[in-house]
Structures are given as structure tokens and as C-alpha cells.
Amino acid sequence: MDDEQPRREPNEKAKLFVGGLPWRMRGKELRELFEEAGEVAYSKVMLDDQNRSRGFGFVEMGSEEEAHAAIEKFHKSDFEGRWLQVNIAEPRPPRH
């Protein structure tokens, strides 16, 4: 099960895109990994229509400083044989 937290105002500057995740990864494991860099407010692995990981997800850290610490710690790191891509998530453009 993915890590669903109570809804609150998100901190877009502390939200990370995480790519290159192992196919078995779920939100709980993603949270546990990123807690090594600080407080995790929210984590979610994106799943396909058959409930399989799509290989990427999002983590919102507790602060901008912790988000940058997570990028320093995990970007281009080897995790279970896969190279993680970690950067600040770009907000979706508004739909018209």
C-alpha cells in the first residue's frame, strides 16, 4: 500500500520526483529510504492499471533543506542495481 497522508497544503519546493525505482518498490519502502535524509511528509510510487510500479514516484520532504539533502544523498545513487534520478518535482501546468 502506498503512503497516503492526511491532506494538507503541499510544499511544492520540498516535493521530489524520484525515477529509476525498482519495480517492486511501494510508498512505504520509498518513505523508509528517504527518511535517511530527513522527515518525509508524503511518499507515493506511481502504479499502472495492473497495480505494478511504473518505476517512479514522488516524495515530499519536511522542508526545502531536507529536500536538497535528499537530492545530494540519492541523485545518481545505485539502489538495488538501478540508478536513482532525484530532483525537485516540476508542478503540472494547469489544464485548460
PDB file of N, CA and C in Angstrom:
ATOM      1  N   MET A   1       0.840  -1.186   0.000  1.00  0.00           N
ATOM      2  CA  MET A   1       0.000   0.000   0.000  1.00  0.00           C
ATOM      3  C   MET A   1       0.875   1.237   0.000  1.00  0.00           C
ATOM      4  N   ASP A   2       0.488   2.250  -0.759  1.00  0.00           N
ATOM      5  CA  ASP A   2       1.252   3.485  -0.794  1.00  0.00           C
ATOM      6  C   ASP A   2       0.969   4.314   0.433  1.00  0.00           C
ATOM      7  N   ASP A   3       1.847   5.243   0.683  1.00  0.00           N
ATOM      8  CA  ASP A   3       1.821   6.051   1.879  1.00  0.00           C
ATOM      9  C   ASP A   3       0.888   7.235   1.673  1.00  0.00           C
ATOM     10  N   GLU A   4      -0.333   7.122   2.102  1.00  0.00           N
ATOM     11  CA  GLU A   4      -1.301   8.201   1.969  1.00  0.00           C
ATOM     12  C   GLU A   4      -1.377   8.956   3.284  1.00  0.00           C
ATOM     13  N   GLN A   5      -1.030  10.207   3.256  1.00  0.00           N
ATOM     14  CA  GLN A   5      -1.050  11.046   4.438  1.00  0.00           C
ATOM     15  C   GLN A   5      -2.290  11.942   4.408  1.00  0.00           C
ATOM     16  N   PRO A   6      -2.707  12.449   5.573  1.00  0.00           N
ATOM     17  CA  PRO A   6      -3.830  13.396   5.580  1.00  0.00           C
ATOM     18  C   PRO A   6      -3.523  14.579   4.674  1.00  0.00           C
ATOM     19  N   ARG A   7      -4.526  15.032   3.969  1.00  0.00           N
ATOM     20  CA  ARG A   7      -4.331  16.146   3.041  1.00  0.00           C
ATOM     21  C   ARG A   7      -4.036  17.435   3.796  1.00  0.00           C
ATOM     22  N   ARG A   8      -3.052  18.142   3.316  1.00  0.00           N
ATOM     23  CA  ARG A   8      -2.675  19.450   3.839  1.00  0.00           C
ATOM     24  C   ARG A   8      -2.096  20.224   2.672  1.00  0.00           C
ATOM     25  N   GLU A   9      -1.784  21.455   2.886  1.00  0.00           N
ATOM     26  CA  GLU A   9      -1.206  22.274   1.819  1.00  0.00           C
ATOM     27  C   GLU A   9       0.195  21.763   1.508  1.00  0.00           C
ATOM     28  N   PRO A  10       0.449  21.286   0.283  1.00  0.00           N
ATOM     29  CA  PRO A  10       1.779  20.747  -0.036  1.00  0.00           C
ATOM     30  C   PRO A  10       2.824  21.858  -0.147  1.00  0.00           C
ATOM     31  N   ASN A  11       4.051  21.504   0.146  1.00  0.00           N
ATOM     32  CA  ASN A  11       5.178  22.410  -0.032  1.00  0.00           C
ATOM     33  C   ASN A  11       5.849  22.022  -1.347  1.00  0.00           C
ATOM     34  N   GLU A  12       5.484  22.694  -2.421  1.00  0.00           N
ATOM     35  CA  GLU A  12       5.985  22.343  -3.756  1.00  0.00           C
ATOM     36  C   GLU A  12       7.509  22.416  -3.836  1.00  0.00           C
ATOM     37  N   LYS A  13       8.127  23.256  -3.030  1.00  0.00           N
ATOM     38  CA  LYS A  13       9.590  23.382  -3.064  1.00  0.00           C
ATOM     39  C   LYS A  13      10.291  22.224  -2.364  1.00  0.00           C
ATOM     40  N   ALA A  14       9.513  21.406  -1.641  1.00  0.00           N
ATOM     41  CA  ALA A  14      10.092  20.250  -0.950  1.00  0.00           C
ATOM     42  C   ALA A  14       9.645  18.940  -1.584  1.00  0.00           C
ATOM     43  N   LYS A  15       8.929  19.033  -2.723  1.00  0.00           N
ATOM     44  CA  LYS A  15       8.420  17.836  -3.394  1.00  0.00           C
ATOM     45  C   LYS A  15       9.435  17.361  -4.431  1.00  0.00           C
ATOM     46  N   LEU A  16       9.755  16.065  -4.353  1.00  0.00           N
ATOM     47  CA  LEU A  16      10.767  15.483  -5.232  1.00  0.00           C
ATOM     48  C   LEU A  16      10.160  14.478  -6.199  1.00  0.00           C
ATOM     49  N   PHE A  17      10.687  14.477  -7.410  1.00  0.00           N
ATOM     50  CA  PHE A  17      10.441  13.399  -8.372  1.00  0.00           C
ATOM     51  C   PHE A  17      11.551  12.381  -8.158  1.00  0.00           C
ATOM     52  N   VAL A  18      11.182  11.109  -8.078  1.00  0.00           N
ATOM     53  CA  VAL A  18      12.168  10.040  -7.911  1.00  0.00           C
ATOM     54  C   VAL A  18      11.963   9.032  -9.030  1.00  0.00           C
ATOM     55  N   GLY A  19      12.921   8.937  -9.930  1.00  0.00           N
ATOM     56  CA  GLY A  19      12.859   7.998 -11.043  1.00  0.00           C
ATOM     57  C   GLY A  19      13.878   6.887 -10.865  1.00  0.00           C
ATOM     58  N   GLY A  20      13.707   5.824 -11.636  1.00  0.00           N
ATOM     59  CA  GLY A  20      14.623   4.698 -11.590  1.00  0.00           C
ATOM     60  C   GLY A  20      14.355   3.757 -10.436  1.00  0.00           C
ATOM     61  N   LEU A  21      13.132   3.785  -9.906  1.00  0.00           N
ATOM     62  CA  LEU A  21      12.807   2.925  -8.767  1.00  0.00           C
ATOM     63  C   LEU A  21      12.702   1.461  -9.194  1.00  0.00           C
ATOM     64  N   PRO A  22      13.060   0.549  -8.299  1.00  0.00           N
ATOM     65  CA  PRO A  22      12.849  -0.870  -8.586  1.00  0.00           C
ATOM     66  C   PRO A  22      11.354  -1.136  -8.792  1.00  0.00           C
ATOM     67  N   TRP A  23      11.025  -2.090  -9.614  1.00  0.00           N
ATOM     68  CA  TRP A  23       9.631  -2.371  -9.956  1.00  0.00           C
ATOM     69  C   TRP A  23       8.830  -2.864  -8.758  1.00  0.00           C
ATOM     70  N   ARG A  24       9.476  -3.416  -7.745  1.00  0.00           N
ATOM     71  CA  ARG A  24       8.764  -3.916  -6.567  1.00  0.00           C
ATOM     72  C   ARG A  24       8.497  -2.821  -5.525  1.00  0.00           C
ATOM     73  N   MET A  25       9.095  -1.655  -5.680  1.00  0.00           N
ATOM     74  CA  MET A  25       9.025  -0.571  -4.688  1.00  0.00           C
ATOM     75  C   MET A  25       7.600  -0.063  -4.506  1.00  0.00           C
ATOM     76  N   ARG A  26       7.241   0.202  -3.251  1.00  0.00           N
ATOM     77  CA  ARG A  26       5.951   0.794  -2.898  1.00  0.00           C
ATOM     78  C   ARG A  26       6.198   2.014  -2.025  1.00  0.00           C
ATOM     79  N   GLY A  27       5.157   2.759  -1.734  1.00  0.00           N
ATOM     80  CA  GLY A  27       5.277   4.010  -0.991  1.00  0.00           C
ATOM     81  C   GLY A  27       5.938   3.881   0.364  1.00  0.00           C
ATOM     82  N   LYS A  28       5.621   2.802   1.090  1.00  0.00           N
ATOM     83  CA  LYS A  28       6.203   2.610   2.417  1.00  0.00           C
ATOM     84  C   LYS A  28       7.719   2.469   2.324  1.00  0.00           C
ATOM     85  N   GLU A  29       8.203   1.671   1.375  1.00  0.00           N
ATOM     86  CA  GLU A  29       9.649   1.486   1.211  1.00  0.00           C
ATOM     87  C   GLU A  29      10.315   2.782   0.743  1.00  0.00           C
ATOM     88  N   LEU A  30       9.624   3.518  -0.117  1.00  0.00           N
ATOM     89  CA  LEU A  30      10.164   4.796  -0.579  1.00  0.00           C
ATOM     90  C   LEU A  30      10.299   5.752   0.599  1.00  0.00           C
ATOM     91  N   ARG A  31       9.278   5.802   1.456  1.00  0.00           N
ATOM     92  CA  ARG A  31       9.326   6.648   2.661  1.00  0.00           C
ATOM     93  C   ARG A  31      10.512   6.250   3.533  1.00  0.00           C
ATOM     94  N   GLU A  32      10.659   4.965   3.801  1.00  0.00           N
ATOM     95  CA  GLU A  32      11.735   4.493   4.670  1.00  0.00           C
ATOM     96  C   GLU A  32      13.107   4.855   4.102  1.00  0.00           C
ATOM     97  N   LEU A  33      13.272   4.741   2.799  1.00  0.00           N
ATOM     98  CA  LEU A  33      14.539   5.104   2.173  1.00  0.00           C
ATOM     99  C   LEU A  33      14.832   6.590   2.364  1.00  0.00           C
ATOM    100  N   PHE A  34      13.851   7.439   2.062  1.00  0.00           N
ATOM    101  CA  PHE A  34      14.090   8.882   2.096  1.00  0.00           C
ATOM    102  C   PHE A  34      14.134   9.452   3.513  1.00  0.00           C
ATOM    103  N   GLU A  35      13.653   8.710   4.499  1.00  0.00           N
ATOM    104  CA  GLU A  35      13.794   9.150   5.885  1.00  0.00           C
ATOM    105  C   GLU A  35      15.255   9.201   6.304  1.00  0.00           C
ATOM    106  N   GLU A  36      16.137   8.551   5.550  1.00  0.00           N
ATOM    107  CA  GLU A  36      17.573   8.652   5.818  1.00  0.00           C
ATOM    108  C   GLU A  36      18.072  10.074   5.598  1.00  0.00           C
ATOM    109  N   ALA A  37      17.314  10.893   4.843  1.00  0.00           N
ATOM    110  CA  ALA A  37      17.713  12.271   4.558  1.00  0.00           C
ATOM    111  C   ALA A  37      16.917  13.289   5.368  1.00  0.00           C
ATOM    112  N   GLY A  38      15.899  12.848   6.128  1.00  0.00           N
ATOM    113  CA  GLY A  38      15.100  13.786   6.920  1.00  0.00           C
ATOM    114  C   GLY A  38      13.655  13.351   7.010  1.00  0.00           C
ATOM    115  N   GLU A  39      12.825  14.262   7.485  1.00  0.00           N
ATOM    116  CA  GLU A  39      11.396  13.979   7.646  1.00  0.00           C
ATOM    117  C   GLU A  39      10.721  13.845   6.284  1.00  0.00           C
ATOM    118  N   VAL A  40       9.880  12.841   6.144  1.00  0.00           N
ATOM    119  CA  VAL A  40       9.112  12.644   4.920  1.00  0.00           C
ATOM    120  C   VAL A  40       7.648  12.955   5.238  1.00  0.00           C
ATOM    121  N   ALA A  41       7.088  13.943   4.534  1.00  0.00           N
ATOM    122  CA  ALA A  41       5.692  14.320   4.743  1.00  0.00           C
ATOM    123  C   ALA A  41       4.753  13.435   3.930  1.00  0.00           C
ATOM    124  N   TYR A  42       5.236  12.931   2.792  1.00  0.00           N
ATOM    125  CA  TYR A  42       4.366  12.177   1.876  1.00  0.00           C
ATOM    126  C   TYR A  42       5.243  11.397   0.916  1.00  0.00           C
ATOM    127  N   SER A  43       4.816  10.194   0.572  1.00  0.00           N
ATOM    128  CA  SER A  43       5.520   9.429  -0.465  1.00  0.00           C
ATOM    129  C   SER A  43       4.500   8.621  -1.246  1.00  0.00           C
ATOM    130  N   LYS A  44       4.737   8.494  -2.544  1.00  0.00           N
ATOM    131  CA  LYS A  44       3.831   7.725  -3.394  1.00  0.00           C
ATOM    132  C   LYS A  44       4.604   7.189  -4.591  1.00  0.00           C
ATOM    133  N   VAL A  45       4.464   5.892  -4.827  1.00  0.00           N
ATOM    134  CA  VAL A  45       5.000   5.268  -6.030  1.00  0.00           C
ATOM    135  C   VAL A  45       3.848   5.182  -7.016  1.00  0.00           C
ATOM    136  N   MET A  46       4.074   5.617  -8.227  1.00  0.00           N
ATOM    137  CA  MET A  46       3.025   5.603  -9.244  1.00  0.00           C
ATOM    138  C   MET A  46       2.878   4.178  -9.782  1.00  0.00           C
ATOM    139  N   LEU A  47       1.629   3.729  -9.851  1.00  0.00           N
ATOM    140  CA  LEU A  47       1.320   2.364 -10.272  1.00  0.00           C
ATOM    141  C   LEU A  47       0.568   2.367 -11.597  1.00  0.00           C
ATOM    142  N   ASP A  48       0.720   1.270 -12.358  1.00  0.00           N
ATOM    143  CA  ASP A  48      -0.036   1.136 -13.598  1.00  0.00           C
ATOM    144  C   ASP A  48      -1.416   0.558 -13.296  1.00  0.00           C
ATOM    145  N   ASP A  49      -2.205   0.313 -14.328  1.00  0.00           N
ATOM    146  CA  ASP A  49      -3.571  -0.173 -14.126  1.00  0.00           C
ATOM    147  C   ASP A  49      -3.631  -1.613 -13.611  1.00  0.00           C
ATOM    148  N   GLN A  50      -2.475  -2.291 -13.570  1.00  0.00           N
ATOM    149  CA  GLN A  50      -2.424  -3.642 -13.009  1.00  0.00           C
ATOM    150  C   GLN A  50      -1.724  -3.649 -11.647  1.00  0.00           C
ATOM    151  N   ASN A  51      -1.642  -2.459 -11.024  1.00  0.00           N
ATOM    152  CA  ASN A  51      -1.086  -2.283  -9.688  1.00  0.00           C
ATOM    153  C   ASN A  51       0.405  -2.621  -9.607  1.00  0.00           C
ATOM    154  N   ARG A  52       1.133  -2.394 -10.718  1.00  0.00           N
ATOM    155  CA  ARG A  52       2.583  -2.583 -10.736  1.00  0.00           C
ATOM    156  C   ARG A  52       3.245  -1.211 -10.769  1.00  0.00           C
ATOM    157  N   SER A  53       4.407  -1.124 -10.152  1.00  0.00           N
ATOM    158  CA  SER A  53       5.153   0.129 -10.146  1.00  0.00           C
ATOM    159  C   SER A  53       5.469   0.564 -11.573  1.00  0.00           C
ATOM    160  N   ARG A  54       5.371   1.851 -11.811  1.00  0.00           N
ATOM    161  CA  ARG A  54       5.763   2.420 -13.107  1.00  0.00           C
ATOM    162  C   ARG A  54       7.231   2.858 -13.079  1.00  0.00           C
ATOM    163  N   GLY A  55       7.926   2.623 -11.942  1.00  0.00           N
ATOM    164  CA  GLY A  55       9.351   2.935 -11.853  1.00  0.00           C
ATOM    165  C   GLY A  55       9.663   4.352 -11.416  1.00  0.00           C
ATOM    166  N   PHE A  56       8.627   5.099 -11.000  1.00  0.00           N
ATOM    167  CA  PHE A  56       8.879   6.443 -10.489  1.00  0.00           C
ATOM    168  C   PHE A  56       7.843   6.786  -9.432  1.00  0.00           C
ATOM    169  N   GLY A  57       8.142   7.829  -8.675  1.00  0.00           N
ATOM    170  CA  GLY A  57       7.228   8.264  -7.633  1.00  0.00           C
ATOM    171  C   GLY A  57       7.573   9.660  -7.169  1.00  0.00           C
ATOM    172  N   PHE A  58       6.924  10.053  -6.083  1.00  0.00           N
ATOM    173  CA  PHE A  58       7.104  11.390  -5.530  1.00  0.00           C
ATOM    174  C   PHE A  58       7.278  11.289  -4.021  1.00  0.00           C
ATOM    175  N   VAL A  59       8.138  12.152  -3.505  1.00  0.00           N
ATOM    176  CA  VAL A  59       8.368  12.259  -2.069  1.00  0.00           C
ATOM    177  C   VAL A  59       8.316  13.732  -1.722  1.00  0.00           C
ATOM    178  N   GLU A  60       7.544  14.066  -0.696  1.00  0.00           N
ATOM    179  CA  GLU A  60       7.595  15.428  -0.178  1.00  0.00           C
ATOM    180  C   GLU A  60       8.331  15.380   1.146  1.00  0.00           C
ATOM    181  N   MET A  61       9.442  16.077   1.206  1.00  0.00           N
ATOM    182  CA  MET A  61      10.233  16.130   2.422  1.00  0.00           C
ATOM    183  C   MET A  61       9.634  17.181   3.359  1.00  0.00           C
ATOM    184  N   GLY A  62      10.061  17.169   4.611  1.00  0.00           N
ATOM    185  CA  GLY A  62       9.524  18.085   5.607  1.00  0.00           C
ATOM    186  C   GLY A  62       9.890  19.533   5.384  1.00  0.00           C
ATOM    187  N   SER A  63      10.980  19.789   4.660  1.00  0.00           N
ATOM    188  CA  SER A  63      11.418  21.166   4.403  1.00  0.00           C
ATOM    189  C   SER A  63      12.219  21.209   3.104  1.00  0.00           C
ATOM    190  N   GLU A  64      12.440  22.410   2.607  1.00  0.00           N
ATOM    191  CA  GLU A  64      13.265  22.581   1.406  1.00  0.00           C
ATOM    192  C   GLU A  64      14.691  22.093   1.659  1.00  0.00           C
ATOM    193  N   GLU A  65      15.214  22.349   2.859  1.00  0.00           N
ATOM    194  CA  GLU A  65      16.567  21.925   3.192  1.00  0.00           C
ATOM    195  C   GLU A  65      16.682  20.403   3.154  1.00  0.00           C
ATOM    196  N   GLU A  66      15.665  19.714   3.682  1.00  0.00           N
ATOM    197  CA  GLU A  66      15.687  18.254   3.662  1.00  0.00           C
ATOM    198  C   GLU A  66      15.529  17.721   2.242  1.00  0.00           C
ATOM    199  N   ALA A  67      14.773  18.430   1.414  1.00  0.00           N
ATOM    200  CA  ALA A  67      14.641  18.033   0.012  1.00  0.00           C
ATOM    201  C   ALA A  67      15.996  18.107  -0.685  1.00  0.00           C
ATOM    202  N   HIS A  68      16.737  19.184  -0.442  1.00  0.00           N
ATOM    203  CA  HIS A  68      18.054  19.317  -1.066  1.00  0.00           C
ATOM    204  C   HIS A  68      19.036  18.286  -0.510  1.00  0.00           C
ATOM    205  N   ALA A  69      18.910  17.962   0.772  1.00  0.00           N
ATOM    206  CA  ALA A  69      19.755  16.908   1.363  1.00  0.00           C
ATOM    207  C   ALA A  69      19.449  15.561   0.712  1.00  0.00           C
ATOM    208  N   ALA A  70      18.168  15.297   0.426  1.00  0.00           N
ATOM    209  CA  ALA A  70      17.779  14.035  -0.219  1.00  0.00           C
ATOM    210  C   ALA A  70      18.330  13.973  -1.648  1.00  0.00           C
ATOM    211  N   ILE A  71      18.294  15.091  -2.344  1.00  0.00           N
ATOM    212  CA  ILE A  71      18.861  15.124  -3.703  1.00  0.00           C
ATOM    213  C   ILE A  71      20.354  14.816  -3.629  1.00  0.00           C
ATOM    214  N   GLU A  72      21.061  15.477  -2.709  1.00  0.00           N
ATOM    215  CA  GLU A  72      22.502  15.234  -2.548  1.00  0.00           C
ATOM    216  C   GLU A  72      22.789  13.767  -2.233  1.00  0.00           C
ATOM    217  N   LYS A  73      21.964  13.173  -1.386  1.00  0.00           N
ATOM    218  CA  LYS A  73      22.208  11.800  -0.935  1.00  0.00           C
ATOM    219  C   LYS A  73      21.852  10.763  -1.995  1.00  0.00           C
ATOM    220  N   PHE A  74      20.745  10.966  -2.717  1.00  0.00           N
ATOM    221  CA  PHE A  74      20.212   9.898  -3.557  1.00  0.00           C
ATOM    222  C   PHE A  74      20.335  10.093  -5.066  1.00  0.00           C
ATOM    223  N   HIS A  75      20.479  11.330  -5.566  1.00  0.00           N
ATOM    224  CA  HIS A  75      20.539  11.521  -7.016  1.00  0.00           C
ATOM    225  C   HIS A  75      21.767  10.812  -7.579  1.00  0.00           C
ATOM    226  N   LYS A  76      21.523  10.016  -8.599  1.00  0.00           N
ATOM    227  CA  LYS A  76      22.563   9.232  -9.281  1.00  0.00           C
ATOM    228  C   LYS A  76      23.201   8.189  -8.372  1.00  0.00           C
ATOM    229  N   SER A  77      22.453   7.745  -7.358  1.00  0.00           N
ATOM    230  CA  SER A  77      22.973   6.680  -6.497  1.00  0.00           C
ATOM    231  C   SER A  77      22.435   5.332  -6.976  1.00  0.00           C
ATOM    232  N   ASP A  78      23.180   4.297  -6.695  1.00  0.00           N
ATOM    233  CA  ASP A  78      22.793   2.941  -7.061  1.00  0.00           C
ATOM    234  C   ASP A  78      21.915   2.386  -5.949  1.00  0.00           C
ATOM    235  N   PHE A  79      20.687   2.031  -6.288  1.00  0.00           N
ATOM    236  CA  PHE A  79      19.767   1.426  -5.327  1.00  0.00           C
ATOM    237  C   PHE A  79      19.243   0.141  -5.940  1.00  0.00           C
ATOM    238  N   GLU A  80      19.647  -0.974  -5.370  1.00  0.00           N
ATOM    239  CA  GLU A  80      19.248  -2.300  -5.850  1.00  0.00           C
ATOM    240  C   GLU A  80      19.519  -2.473  -7.351  1.00  0.00           C
ATOM    241  N   GLY A  81      20.682  -1.987  -7.772  1.00  0.00           N
ATOM    242  CA  GLY A  81      21.092  -2.162  -9.159  1.00  0.00           C
ATOM    243  C   GLY A  81      20.493  -1.171 -10.143  1.00  0.00           C
ATOM    244  N   ARG A  82      19.775  -0.178  -9.650  1.00  0.00           N
ATOM    245  CA  ARG A  82      19.184   0.852 -10.518  1.00  0.00           C
ATOM    246  C   ARG A  82      19.701   2.221 -10.079  1.00  0.00           C
ATOM    247  N   TRP A  83      19.929   3.099 -11.045  1.00  0.00           N
ATOM    248  CA  TRP A  83      20.409   4.447 -10.753  1.00  0.00           C
ATOM    249  C   TRP A  83      19.214   5.356 -10.527  1.00  0.00           C
ATOM    250  N   LEU A  84      19.133   5.915  -9.324  1.00  0.00           N
ATOM    251  CA  LEU A  84      18.025   6.807  -8.999  1.00  0.00           C
ATOM    252  C   LEU A  84      18.226   8.184  -9.622  1.00  0.00           C
ATOM    253  N   GLN A  85      17.126   8.767 -10.037  1.00  0.00           N
ATOM    254  CA  GLN A  85      17.094  10.145 -10.509  1.00  0.00           C
ATOM    255  C   GLN A  85      16.215  10.898  -9.524  1.00  0.00           C
ATOM    256  N   VAL A  86      16.779  11.891  -8.849  1.00  0.00           N
ATOM    257  CA  VAL A  86      16.038  12.621  -7.823  1.00  0.00           C
ATOM    258  C   VAL A  86      16.216  14.113  -8.069  1.00  0.00           C
ATOM    259  N   ASN A  87      15.109  14.819  -8.271  1.00  0.00           N
ATOM    260  CA  ASN A  87      15.146  16.267  -8.405  1.00  0.00           C
ATOM    261  C   ASN A  87      13.828  16.874  -7.939  1.00  0.00           C
ATOM    262  N   ILE A  88      13.832  18.186  -7.819  1.00  0.00           N
ATOM    263  CA  ILE A  88      12.612  18.896  -7.422  1.00  0.00           C
ATOM    264  C   ILE A  88      11.552  18.618  -8.489  1.00  0.00           C
ATOM    265  N   ALA A  89      10.364  18.238  -8.048  1.00  0.00           N
ATOM    266  CA  ALA A  89       9.262  17.940  -8.976  1.00  0.00           C
ATOM    267  C   ALA A  89       8.755  19.233  -9.589  1.00  0.00           C
ATOM    268  N   GLU A  90       8.569  19.206 -10.887  1.00  0.00           N
ATOM    269  CA  GLU A  90       8.009  20.357 -11.581  1.00  0.00           C
ATOM    270  C   GLU A  90       6.489  20.292 -11.480  1.00  0.00           C
ATOM    271  N   PRO A  91       5.835  21.374 -11.036  1.00  0.00           N
ATOM    272  CA  PRO A  91       4.373  21.353 -10.974  1.00  0.00           C
ATOM    273  C   PRO A  91       3.772  21.151 -12.366  1.00  0.00           C
ATOM    274  N   ARG A  92       2.656  20.434 -12.389  1.00  0.00           N
ATOM    275  CA  ARG A  92       1.960  20.234 -13.659  1.00  0.00           C
ATOM    276  C   ARG A  92       1.402  21.564 -14.158  1.00  0.00           C
ATOM    277  N   PRO A  93       1.482  21.792 -15.462  1.00  0.00           N
ATOM    278  CA  PRO A  93       0.844  23.012 -15.982  1.00  0.00           C
ATOM    279  C   PRO A  93      -0.678  22.892 -15.842  1.00  0.00           C
ATOM    280  N   PRO A  94      -1.349  24.015 -15.638  1.00  0.00           N
ATOM    281  CA  PRO A  94      -2.818  23.947 -15.490  1.00  0.00           C
ATOM    282  C   PRO A  94      -3.475  23.408 -16.749  1.00  0.00           C
ATOM    283  N   ARG A  95      -4.529  22.604 -16.560  1.00  0.00           N
ATOM    284  CA  ARG A  95      -5.279  22.080 -17.696  1.00  0.00           C
ATOM    285  C   ARG A  95      -6.309  23.108 -18.135  1.00  0.00           C
ATOM    286  N   HIS A  96      -6.490  23.192 -19.432  1.00  0.00           N
ATOM    287  CA  HIS A  96      -7.477  24.154 -19.967  1.00  0.00           C
ATOM    288  C   HIS A  96      -8.618  23.415 -20.594  1.00  0.00           C
TER     289      HIS A  96
END
